[in-house]
Amino acid sequence: MRQWVHPDPENLWITEAQLRLGRANAQTAPILIPVAAFFVALACASWVSDAMRTGWWIAVAASGLAMNRLTWWLQSVPTNTLEGIRLRVKARFFATTAFSIVWCSMTVFLWAPGEPLNHMLLIMVLACSLAGSVASGAAQPATMAALVVVHGVFMLVPTLTSPDTMDRTLGGTSAVFLLLMISHAISLHGSMNKLLRLEHERADLVQGLKVAKEISDRERAQAAAAGRAKSQFLSNMNHELRTPMNAILGFSELIKTKAFGDSVDKYTEYAEIIHDSGQHLLGLINDMLDLAKIEGGRLSLRESDVNMTALINDVLEASAAKAAEGELTITKILQKNIPRVRGDERGLRQIVANLVSNSLKFTPRGGRVEVFSQIDASGRMIIRIADNGIGIAEEDRDRVFERFGQGRHDITSHERGTGLGLAIVKGFAEAHDGSVSLESELGHGTTVTVTLPAERVLAPPVQSVKKAG
């Protein structure tokens, strides 16, 4: 009962459930009881004056109307807060007790001394009312206790204090009935509490199963996506690894067997091909190792003061031959006197090299690639690589930064590469507390922007100025 009148935060759910159970009865009882009161007053017409009967009925009807208005007002009180629940509980308890007192006062206002039939009628009505109150209010222990006490007082006091033997017999019978109702109320309350707890546990179980299913579905989808990406990656790597390895094995075999005799120049050319293929394989292995460290959270930066202008120029110089081979034009737009950046030089070089390589790879012959770098108004380093190549379809843009993700599926295997480049760019950019964004339109090129935070941009050295004279 204490928990019902003043619920604890940890047991708030059961109080709210008890309120919900009693809500239907609270909406109908204030309307039906005044109707019942009318017939009770009418049945006592031969024993009680019209004024007394009318006054009692008006009091019952008025309290029923007030109770009904209170019930509707309580609907607006939120039940998701401790204060809201406690307000509802206390209002329900005191209003139900007051309404019950007015109703049970029939043994005061309609009681006709010396009329056993009148007494039996009123006690029978209260007994039926008590039984209904116990059945409907068993979920709410304090309210149920108040109803039992109020009915008991108005049933026992007038009968047990009467000098008439019939009334005292009626009072004894009422006392036994009252005890029976108390026992029934306790049993019914226990059963309802068990049902409420089972319902609560069932709801928790259903919610837990729903969450578990959502997690399972999400993990299954991720596993399926990873499986597709793995298959796609292995398919691409089959070409990427086999091609240079076949070159290494084939040309090394020619050199080993001296297939062309003592033609030194020919062997030198083959050795260069072997070297380039080995470099390509080493690059692939480094990319895979970098990505593994990034995804495993084991990437450690060897930070130093990096000259980004020199770094970009080095990457473009190394890419010049590939650009010339594809008849591509590379344009540099680099801000003058860009400060150095605190970061991992190899990681920053990977960012620029992978972006330039992607642009050269996916830009048709005769196209152009633009490399842009500057410090923006907020002090951040902006590196942007733009091309007028084949572009990326809208549905593929979200996955190009994922491991083994490629932007298009209608290009040849040789052009597609391994799908590691942009994932590594994203990993190294985020490792430097930066970000990467992509803008692209199918058939109209791609622009990738890497932003490094102002905290990593070092202030340019202060030039000493000689004073004249």
Foldseek 3Di string as FASTA:
>chain_A
DCCLLQNDPVCLLLNVVLCVLLLVVLQCVLPVLLVVLVVLLVVLPVQAPPVLSVVLSVLLNVLSVVSNVVSVVLVPQDSPDSVNSNVVSNVVQVSLLVSLLSSLCCCVSSPHPPDLVNLVSSLVVLLVVLLVLLVSNLQRVSSNVSNLVSSLCSQQVVQCPDPDPSSNVSNVVSVVSSVVSVVVSVVVNVVVSVVSVVVVVVVVVVVVVVVVVVVVVVVVVVVVVVVVLVVLLVVLVVCQLVVLVCLLVVLVVCVVVVVVPVPVVVNVVSVVSNVVSVVSVVVVVVLVVLLVCLVVVNDDWPKDFADVVVLLVVLCVVCVVLCVVLQEAEAEAEDPPFFTFITHSVLVSLLNNLLVVLQSLFAHRNWYKYWYWDQDPQQKIKTKIKIQGQWADPVQQVPLLPQSGFRDDPDDSVSGHNSRSNVSNQSSLVVLVKGKDKDTDGNGIIMIMIIHDNVRGDDRDDDDDDDDD
